[in-house]
Amino acid sequence: SGSTYRQDCMGWFRQDTGKKREGVAAIYTT
């Protein structure tokens, strides 16, 4: 909700214990 969803790109990130955050997948409005 709010301004976040209005961004062109939304994505999923993941982070396991003791590891760096990793980008998993992204999708644009199209």
ModelCIF file with pLDDT and N, C-alpha, C, O atoms, coordinates in Angstrom:
data_MODEL
#
_entry.id   MODEL 
#
_entity.id                         1 
_entity.type                       polymer 
_entity.pdbx_number_of_molecules   1 
#
_entity_poly.entity_id                      1 
_entity_poly.type                           'polypeptide(L)' 
_entity_poly.nstd_linkage                   no 
_entity_poly.nstd_monomer                   no 
_entity_poly.pdbx_seq_one_letter_code       SGSTYRQDCMGWFRQDTGKKREGVAAIYTT 
_entity_poly.pdbx_seq_one_letter_code_can   SGSTYRQDCMGWFRQDTGKKREGVAAIYTT 
_entity_poly.pdbx_strand_id                 A 
#
loop_
_entity_poly_seq.entity_id 
_entity_poly_seq.num 
_entity_poly_seq.mon_id 
_entity_poly_seq.hetero 
1 1  SER n 
1 2  GLY n 
1 3  SER n 
1 4  THR n 
1 5  TYR n 
1 6  ARG n 
1 7  GLN n 
1 8  ASP n 
1 9  CYS n 
1 10 MET n 
1 11 GLY n 
1 12 TRP n 
1 13 PHE n 
1 14 ARG n 
1 15 GLN n 
1 16 ASP n 
1 17 THR n 
1 18 GLY n 
1 19 LYS n 
1 20 LYS n 
1 21 ARG n 
1 22 GLU n 
1 23 GLY n 
1 24 VAL n 
1 25 ALA n 
1 26 ALA n 
1 27 ILE n 
1 28 TYR n 
1 29 THR n 
1 30 THR n 
#
_struct_asym.id          A 
_struct_asym.entity_id   1 
#
loop_
_ma_qa_metric.id 
_ma_qa_metric.mode 
_ma_qa_metric.name 
_ma_qa_metric.software_group_id 
_ma_qa_metric.type 
1 global pLDDT . pLDDT 
2 local  pLDDT . pLDDT 
#
_ma_qa_metric_global.metric_id      1 
_ma_qa_metric_global.metric_value   86.90 
_ma_qa_metric_global.model_id       1 
_ma_qa_metric_global.ordinal_id     1 
#
loop_
_ma_qa_metric_local.label_asym_id 
_ma_qa_metric_local.label_comp_id 
_ma_qa_metric_local.label_seq_id 
_ma_qa_metric_local.metric_id 
_ma_qa_metric_local.metric_value 
_ma_qa_metric_local.model_id 
_ma_qa_metric_local.ordinal_id 
A SER 1  2 82.00 1 1  
A GLY 2  2 73.00 1 2  
A SER 3  2 68.00 1 3  
A THR 4  2 68.00 1 4  
A TYR 5  2 65.00 1 5  
A ARG 6  2 61.00 1 6  
A GLN 7  2 68.00 1 7  
A ASP 8  2 81.00 1 8  
A CYS 9  2 89.00 1 9  
A MET 10 2 91.00 1 10 
A GLY 11 2 95.00 1 11 
A TRP 12 2 97.00 1 12 
A PHE 13 2 98.00 1 13 
A ARG 14 2 98.00 1 14 
A GLN 15 2 98.00 1 15 
A ASP 16 2 96.00 1 16 
A THR 17 2 94.00 1 17 
A GLY 18 2 94.00 1 18 
A LYS 19 2 95.00 1 19 
A LYS 20 2 96.00 1 20 
A ARG 21 2 96.00 1 21 
A GLU 22 2 96.00 1 22 
A GLY 23 2 97.00 1 23 
A VAL 24 2 98.00 1 24 
A ALA 25 2 97.00 1 25 
A ALA 26 2 95.00 1 26 
A ILE 27 2 93.00 1 27 
A TYR 28 2 86.00 1 28 
A THR 29 2 73.00 1 29 
A THR 30 2 69.00 1 30 
#
loop_
_atom_site.group_PDB 
_atom_site.id 
_atom_site.type_symbol 
_atom_site.label_atom_id 
_atom_site.label_alt_id 
_atom_site.label_comp_id 
_atom_site.label_asym_id 
_atom_site.label_entity_id 
_atom_site.label_seq_id 
_atom_site.pdbx_PDB_ins_code 
_atom_site.Cartn_x 
_atom_site.Cartn_y 
_atom_site.Cartn_z 
_atom_site.occupancy 
_atom_site.B_iso_or_equiv 
_atom_site.pdbx_formal_charge 
_atom_site.auth_seq_id 
_atom_site.auth_comp_id 
_atom_site.auth_asym_id 
_atom_site.auth_atom_id 
_atom_site.pdbx_PDB_model_num 
ATOM 1   N N  . SER A 1 1  ? 0.835  -1.185  0.000   1.00 82.00 ? 1  SER A N  1 
ATOM 2   C CA . SER A 1 1  ? 0.000  0.000   0.000   1.00 82.00 ? 1  SER A CA 1 
ATOM 3   C C  . SER A 1 1  ? 0.876  1.242   0.000   1.00 82.00 ? 1  SER A C  1 
ATOM 4   O O  . SER A 1 1  ? 2.087  1.164   0.206   1.00 82.00 ? 1  SER A O  1 
ATOM 5   N N  . GLY A 1 2  ? 0.253  2.378   -0.231  1.00 73.00 ? 2  GLY A N  1 
ATOM 6   C CA . GLY A 1 2  ? 0.990  3.617   -0.234  1.00 73.00 ? 2  GLY A CA 1 
ATOM 7   C C  . GLY A 1 2  ? 1.878  3.762   -1.450  1.00 73.00 ? 2  GLY A C  1 
ATOM 8   O O  . GLY A 1 2  ? 1.623  3.165   -2.496  1.00 73.00 ? 2  GLY A O  1 
ATOM 9   N N  . SER A 1 3  ? 2.913  4.553   -1.308  1.00 68.00 ? 3  SER A N  1 
ATOM 10  C CA . SER A 1 3  ? 3.772  4.867   -2.437  1.00 68.00 ? 3  SER A CA 1 
ATOM 11  C C  . SER A 1 3  ? 4.613  3.699   -2.911  1.00 68.00 ? 3  SER A C  1 
ATOM 12  O O  . SER A 1 3  ? 5.048  3.678   -4.062  1.00 68.00 ? 3  SER A O  1 
ATOM 13  N N  . THR A 1 4  ? 4.849  2.731   -2.047  1.00 68.00 ? 4  THR A N  1 
ATOM 14  C CA . THR A 1 4  ? 5.726  1.625   -2.404  1.00 68.00 ? 4  THR A CA 1 
ATOM 15  C C  . THR A 1 4  ? 5.251  0.907   -3.661  1.00 68.00 ? 4  THR A C  1 
ATOM 16  O O  . THR A 1 4  ? 6.044  0.642   -4.565  1.00 68.00 ? 4  THR A O  1 
ATOM 17  N N  . TYR A 1 5  ? 3.973  0.594   -3.721  1.00 65.00 ? 5  TYR A N  1 
ATOM 18  C CA . TYR A 1 5  ? 3.475  -0.156  -4.863  1.00 65.00 ? 5  TYR A CA 1 
ATOM 19  C C  . TYR A 1 5  ? 3.475  0.659   -6.139  1.00 65.00 ? 5  TYR A C  1 
ATOM 20  O O  . TYR A 1 5  ? 3.443  0.084   -7.227  1.00 65.00 ? 5  TYR A O  1 
ATOM 21  N N  . ARG A 1 6  ? 3.508  1.952   -6.045  1.00 61.00 ? 6  ARG A N  1 
ATOM 22  C CA . ARG A 1 6  ? 3.501  2.787   -7.246  1.00 61.00 ? 6  ARG A CA 1 
ATOM 23  C C  . ARG A 1 6  ? 4.854  2.840   -7.930  1.00 61.00 ? 6  ARG A C  1 
ATOM 24  O O  . ARG A 1 6  ? 4.964  3.406   -9.018  1.00 61.00 ? 6  ARG A O  1 
ATOM 25  N N  . GLN A 1 7  ? 5.872  2.275   -7.336  1.00 68.00 ? 7  GLN A N  1 
ATOM 26  C CA . GLN A 1 7  ? 7.170  2.191   -7.982  1.00 68.00 ? 7  GLN A CA 1 
ATOM 27  C C  . GLN A 1 7  ? 7.090  1.268   -9.189  1.00 68.00 ? 7  GLN A C  1 
ATOM 28  O O  . GLN A 1 7  ? 6.306  0.320   -9.209  1.00 68.00 ? 7  GLN A O  1 
ATOM 29  N N  . ASP A 1 8  ? 7.903  1.554   -10.186 1.00 81.00 ? 8  ASP A N  1 
ATOM 30  C CA . ASP A 1 8  ? 7.854  0.772   -11.418 1.00 81.00 ? 8  ASP A CA 1 
ATOM 31  C C  . ASP A 1 8  ? 8.204  -0.688  -11.192 1.00 81.00 ? 8  ASP A C  1 
ATOM 32  O O  . ASP A 1 8  ? 7.657  -1.576  -11.847 1.00 81.00 ? 8  ASP A O  1 
ATOM 33  N N  . CYS A 1 9  ? 9.102  -0.928  -10.279 1.00 89.00 ? 9  CYS A N  1 
ATOM 34  C CA . CYS A 1 9  ? 9.612  -2.267  -10.040 1.00 89.00 ? 9  CYS A CA 1 
ATOM 35  C C  . CYS A 1 9  ? 9.287  -2.721  -8.624  1.00 89.00 ? 9  CYS A C  1 
ATOM 36  O O  . CYS A 1 9  ? 9.517  -1.991  -7.659  1.00 89.00 ? 9  CYS A O  1 
ATOM 37  N N  . MET A 1 10 ? 8.755  -3.921  -8.508  1.00 91.00 ? 10 MET A N  1 
ATOM 38  C CA . MET A 1 10 ? 8.572  -4.571  -7.222  1.00 91.00 ? 10 MET A CA 1 
ATOM 39  C C  . MET A 1 10 ? 9.299  -5.909  -7.258  1.00 91.00 ? 10 MET A C  1 
ATOM 40  O O  . MET A 1 10 ? 9.351  -6.572  -8.294  1.00 91.00 ? 10 MET A O  1 
ATOM 41  N N  . GLY A 1 11 ? 9.854  -6.292  -6.126  1.00 95.00 ? 11 GLY A N  1 
ATOM 42  C CA . GLY A 1 11 ? 10.629 -7.517  -6.123  1.00 95.00 ? 11 GLY A CA 1 
ATOM 43  C C  . GLY A 1 11 ? 10.594 -8.251  -4.809  1.00 95.00 ? 11 GLY A C  1 
ATOM 44  O O  . GLY A 1 11 ? 10.059 -7.778  -3.806  1.00 95.00 ? 11 GLY A O  1 
ATOM 45  N N  . TRP A 1 12 ? 11.184 -9.424  -4.852  1.00 97.00 ? 12 TRP A N  1 
ATOM 46  C CA . TRP A 1 12 ? 11.342 -10.259 -3.674  1.00 97.00 ? 12 TRP A CA 1 
ATOM 47  C C  . TRP A 1 12 ? 12.816 -10.395 -3.332  1.00 97.00 ? 12 TRP A C  1 
ATOM 48  O O  . TRP A 1 12 ? 13.652 -10.610 -4.209  1.00 97.00 ? 12 TRP A O  1 
ATOM 49  N N  . PHE A 1 13 ? 13.118 -10.268 -2.071  1.00 98.00 ? 13 PHE A N  1 
ATOM 50  C CA . PHE A 1 13 ? 14.457 -10.452 -1.542  1.00 98.00 ? 13 PHE A CA 1 
ATOM 51  C C  . PHE A 1 13 ? 14.393 -11.509 -0.454  1.00 98.00 ? 13 PHE A C  1 
ATOM 52  O O  . PHE A 1 13 ? 13.325 -11.784 0.093   1.00 98.00 ? 13 PHE A O  1 
ATOM 53  N N  . ARG A 1 14 ? 15.526 -12.095 -0.145  1.00 98.00 ? 14 ARG A N  1 
ATOM 54  C CA . ARG A 1 14 ? 15.558 -13.075 0.928   1.00 98.00 ? 14 ARG A CA 1 
ATOM 55  C C  . ARG A 1 14 ? 16.850 -12.943 1.716   1.00 98.00 ? 14 ARG A C  1 
ATOM 56  O O  . ARG A 1 14 ? 17.867 -12.468 1.210   1.00 98.00 ? 14 ARG A O  1 
ATOM 57  N N  . GLN A 1 15 ? 16.781 -13.373 2.964   1.00 98.00 ? 15 GLN A N  1 
ATOM 58  C CA . GLN A 1 15 ? 17.949 -13.327 3.826   1.00 98.00 ? 15 GLN A CA 1 
ATOM 59  C C  . GLN A 1 15 ? 17.868 -14.451 4.845   1.00 98.00 ? 15 GLN A C  1 
ATOM 60  O O  . GLN A 1 15 ? 16.921 -14.527 5.628   1.00 98.00 ? 15 GLN A O  1 
ATOM 61  N N  . ASP A 1 16 ? 18.857 -15.311 4.828   1.00 96.00 ? 16 ASP A N  1 
ATOM 62  C CA . ASP A 1 16 ? 18.951 -16.381 5.800   1.00 96.00 ? 16 ASP A CA 1 
ATOM 63  C C  . ASP A 1 16 ? 19.877 -15.939 6.920   1.00 96.00 ? 16 ASP A C  1 
ATOM 64  O O  . ASP A 1 16 ? 20.668 -15.009 6.763   1.00 96.00 ? 16 ASP A O  1 
ATOM 65  N N  . THR A 1 17 ? 19.766 -16.613 8.039   1.00 94.00 ? 17 THR A N  1 
ATOM 66  C CA . THR A 1 17 ? 20.560 -16.272 9.208   1.00 94.00 ? 17 THR A CA 1 
ATOM 67  C C  . THR A 1 17 ? 22.045 -16.282 8.875   1.00 94.00 ? 17 THR A C  1 
ATOM 68  O O  . THR A 1 17 ? 22.566 -17.268 8.353   1.00 94.00 ? 17 THR A O  1 
ATOM 69  N N  . GLY A 1 18 ? 22.715 -15.189 9.177   1.00 94.00 ? 18 GLY A N  1 
ATOM 70  C CA . GLY A 1 18 ? 24.148 -15.098 8.971   1.00 94.00 ? 18 GLY A CA 1 
ATOM 71  C C  . GLY A 1 18 ? 24.580 -14.809 7.551   1.00 94.00 ? 18 GLY A C  1 
ATOM 72  O O  . GLY A 1 18 ? 25.778 -14.763 7.270   1.00 94.00 ? 18 GLY A O  1 
ATOM 73  N N  . LYS A 1 19 ? 23.628 -14.613 6.647   1.00 95.00 ? 19 LYS A N  1 
ATOM 74  C CA . LYS A 1 19 ? 23.964 -14.355 5.257   1.00 95.00 ? 19 LYS A CA 1 
ATOM 75  C C  . LYS A 1 19 ? 23.452 -12.991 4.814   1.00 95.00 ? 19 LYS A C  1 
ATOM 76  O O  . LYS A 1 19 ? 22.570 -12.403 5.440   1.00 95.00 ? 19 LYS A O  1 
ATOM 77  N N  . LYS A 1 20 ? 24.021 -12.509 3.731   1.00 96.00 ? 20 LYS A N  1 
ATOM 78  C CA . LYS A 1 20 ? 23.606 -11.228 3.189   1.00 96.00 ? 20 LYS A CA 1 
ATOM 79  C C  . LYS A 1 20 ? 22.257 -11.341 2.490   1.00 96.00 ? 20 LYS A C  1 
ATOM 80  O O  . LYS A 1 20 ? 21.869 -12.410 2.017   1.00 96.00 ? 20 LYS A O  1 
ATOM 81  N N  . ARG A 1 21 ? 21.554 -10.219 2.435   1.00 96.00 ? 21 ARG A N  1 
ATOM 82  C CA . ARG A 1 21 ? 20.309 -10.160 1.704   1.00 96.00 ? 21 ARG A CA 1 
ATOM 83  C C  . ARG A 1 21 ? 20.569 -10.368 0.217   1.00 96.00 ? 21 ARG A C  1 
ATOM 84  O O  . ARG A 1 21 ? 21.550 -9.861  -0.328  1.00 96.00 ? 21 ARG A O  1 
ATOM 85  N N  . GLU A 1 22 ? 19.696 -11.104 -0.422  1.00 96.00 ? 22 GLU A N  1 
ATOM 86  C CA . GLU A 1 22 ? 19.851 -11.437 -1.826  1.00 96.00 ? 22 GLU A CA 1 
ATOM 87  C C  . GLU A 1 22 ? 18.578 -11.105 -2.591  1.00 96.00 ? 22 GLU A C  1 
ATOM 88  O O  . GLU A 1 22 ? 17.480 -11.457 -2.159  1.00 96.00 ? 22 GLU A O  1 
ATOM 89  N N  . GLY A 1 23 ? 18.721 -10.440 -3.707  1.00 97.00 ? 23 GLY A N  1 
ATOM 90  C CA . GLY A 1 23 ? 17.587 -10.218 -4.585  1.00 97.00 ? 23 GLY A CA 1 
ATOM 91  C C  . GLY A 1 23 ? 17.229 -11.507 -5.291  1.00 97.00 ? 23 GLY A C  1 
ATOM 92  O O  . GLY A 1 23 ? 18.107 -12.200 -5.805  1.00 97.00 ? 23 GLY A O  1 
ATOM 93  N N  . VAL A 1 24 ? 15.957 -11.832 -5.323  1.00 98.00 ? 24 VAL A N  1 
ATOM 94  C CA . VAL A 1 24 ? 15.494 -13.097 -5.877  1.00 98.00 ? 24 VAL A CA 1 
ATOM 95  C C  . VAL A 1 24 ? 14.804 -12.912 -7.220  1.00 98.00 ? 24 VAL A C  1 
ATOM 96  O O  . VAL A 1 24 ? 15.142 -13.575 -8.200  1.00 98.00 ? 24 VAL A O  1 
ATOM 97  N N  . ALA A 1 25 ? 13.841 -12.012 -7.255  1.00 97.00 ? 25 ALA A N  1 
ATOM 98  C CA . ALA A 1 25 ? 13.060 -11.800 -8.468  1.00 97.00 ? 25 ALA A CA 1 
ATOM 99  C C  . ALA A 1 25 ? 12.477 -10.412 -8.470  1.00 97.00 ? 25 ALA A C  1 
ATOM 100 O O  . ALA A 1 25 ? 12.203 -9.846  -7.412  1.00 97.00 ? 25 ALA A O  1 
ATOM 101 N N  . ALA A 1 26 ? 12.284 -9.859  -9.651  1.00 95.00 ? 26 ALA A N  1 
ATOM 102 C CA . ALA A 1 26 ? 11.727 -8.520  -9.787  1.00 95.00 ? 26 ALA A CA 1 
ATOM 103 C C  . ALA A 1 26 ? 10.769 -8.478  -10.957 1.00 95.00 ? 26 ALA A C  1 
ATOM 104 O O  . ALA A 1 26 ? 10.900 -9.236  -11.918 1.00 95.00 ? 26 ALA A O  1 
ATOM 105 N N  . ILE A 1 27 ? 9.804  -7.579  -10.861 1.00 93.00 ? 27 ILE A N  1 
ATOM 106 C CA . ILE A 1 27 ? 8.833  -7.416  -11.932 1.00 93.00 ? 27 ILE A CA 1 
ATOM 107 C C  . ILE A 1 27 ? 8.435  -5.954  -12.032 1.00 93.00 ? 27 ILE A C  1 
ATOM 108 O O  . ILE A 1 27 ? 8.222  -5.288  -11.019 1.00 93.00 ? 27 ILE A O  1 
ATOM 109 N N  . TYR A 1 28 ? 8.337  -5.456  -13.261 1.00 86.00 ? 28 TYR A N  1 
ATOM 110 C CA . TYR A 1 28 ? 7.908  -4.091  -13.497 1.00 86.00 ? 28 TYR A CA 1 
ATOM 111 C C  . TYR A 1 28 ? 6.401  -4.032  -13.682 1.00 86.00 ? 28 TYR A C  1 
ATOM 112 O O  . TYR A 1 28 ? 5.726  -5.057  -13.780 1.00 86.00 ? 28 TYR A O  1 
ATOM 113 N N  . THR A 1 29 ? 5.892  -2.809  -13.727 1.00 73.00 ? 29 THR A N  1 
ATOM 114 C CA . THR A 1 29 ? 4.454  -2.608  -13.913 1.00 73.00 ? 29 THR A CA 1 
ATOM 115 C C  . THR A 1 29 ? 3.950  -3.374  -15.125 1.00 73.00 ? 29 THR A C  1 
ATOM 116 O O  . THR A 1 29 ? 2.882  -3.986  -15.096 1.00 73.00 ? 29 THR A O  1 
ATOM 117 N N  . THR A 1 30 ? 4.738  -3.327  -16.190 1.00 69.00 ? 30 THR A N  1 
ATOM 118 C CA . THR A 1 30 ? 4.473  -4.175  -17.343 1.00 69.00 ? 30 THR A CA 1 
ATOM 119 C C  . THR A 1 30 ? 5.044  -5.547  -17.020 1.00 69.00 ? 30 THR A C  1 
ATOM 120 O O  . THR A 1 30 ? 4.953  -6.462  -17.838 1.00 69.00 ? 30 THR A O  1 
#
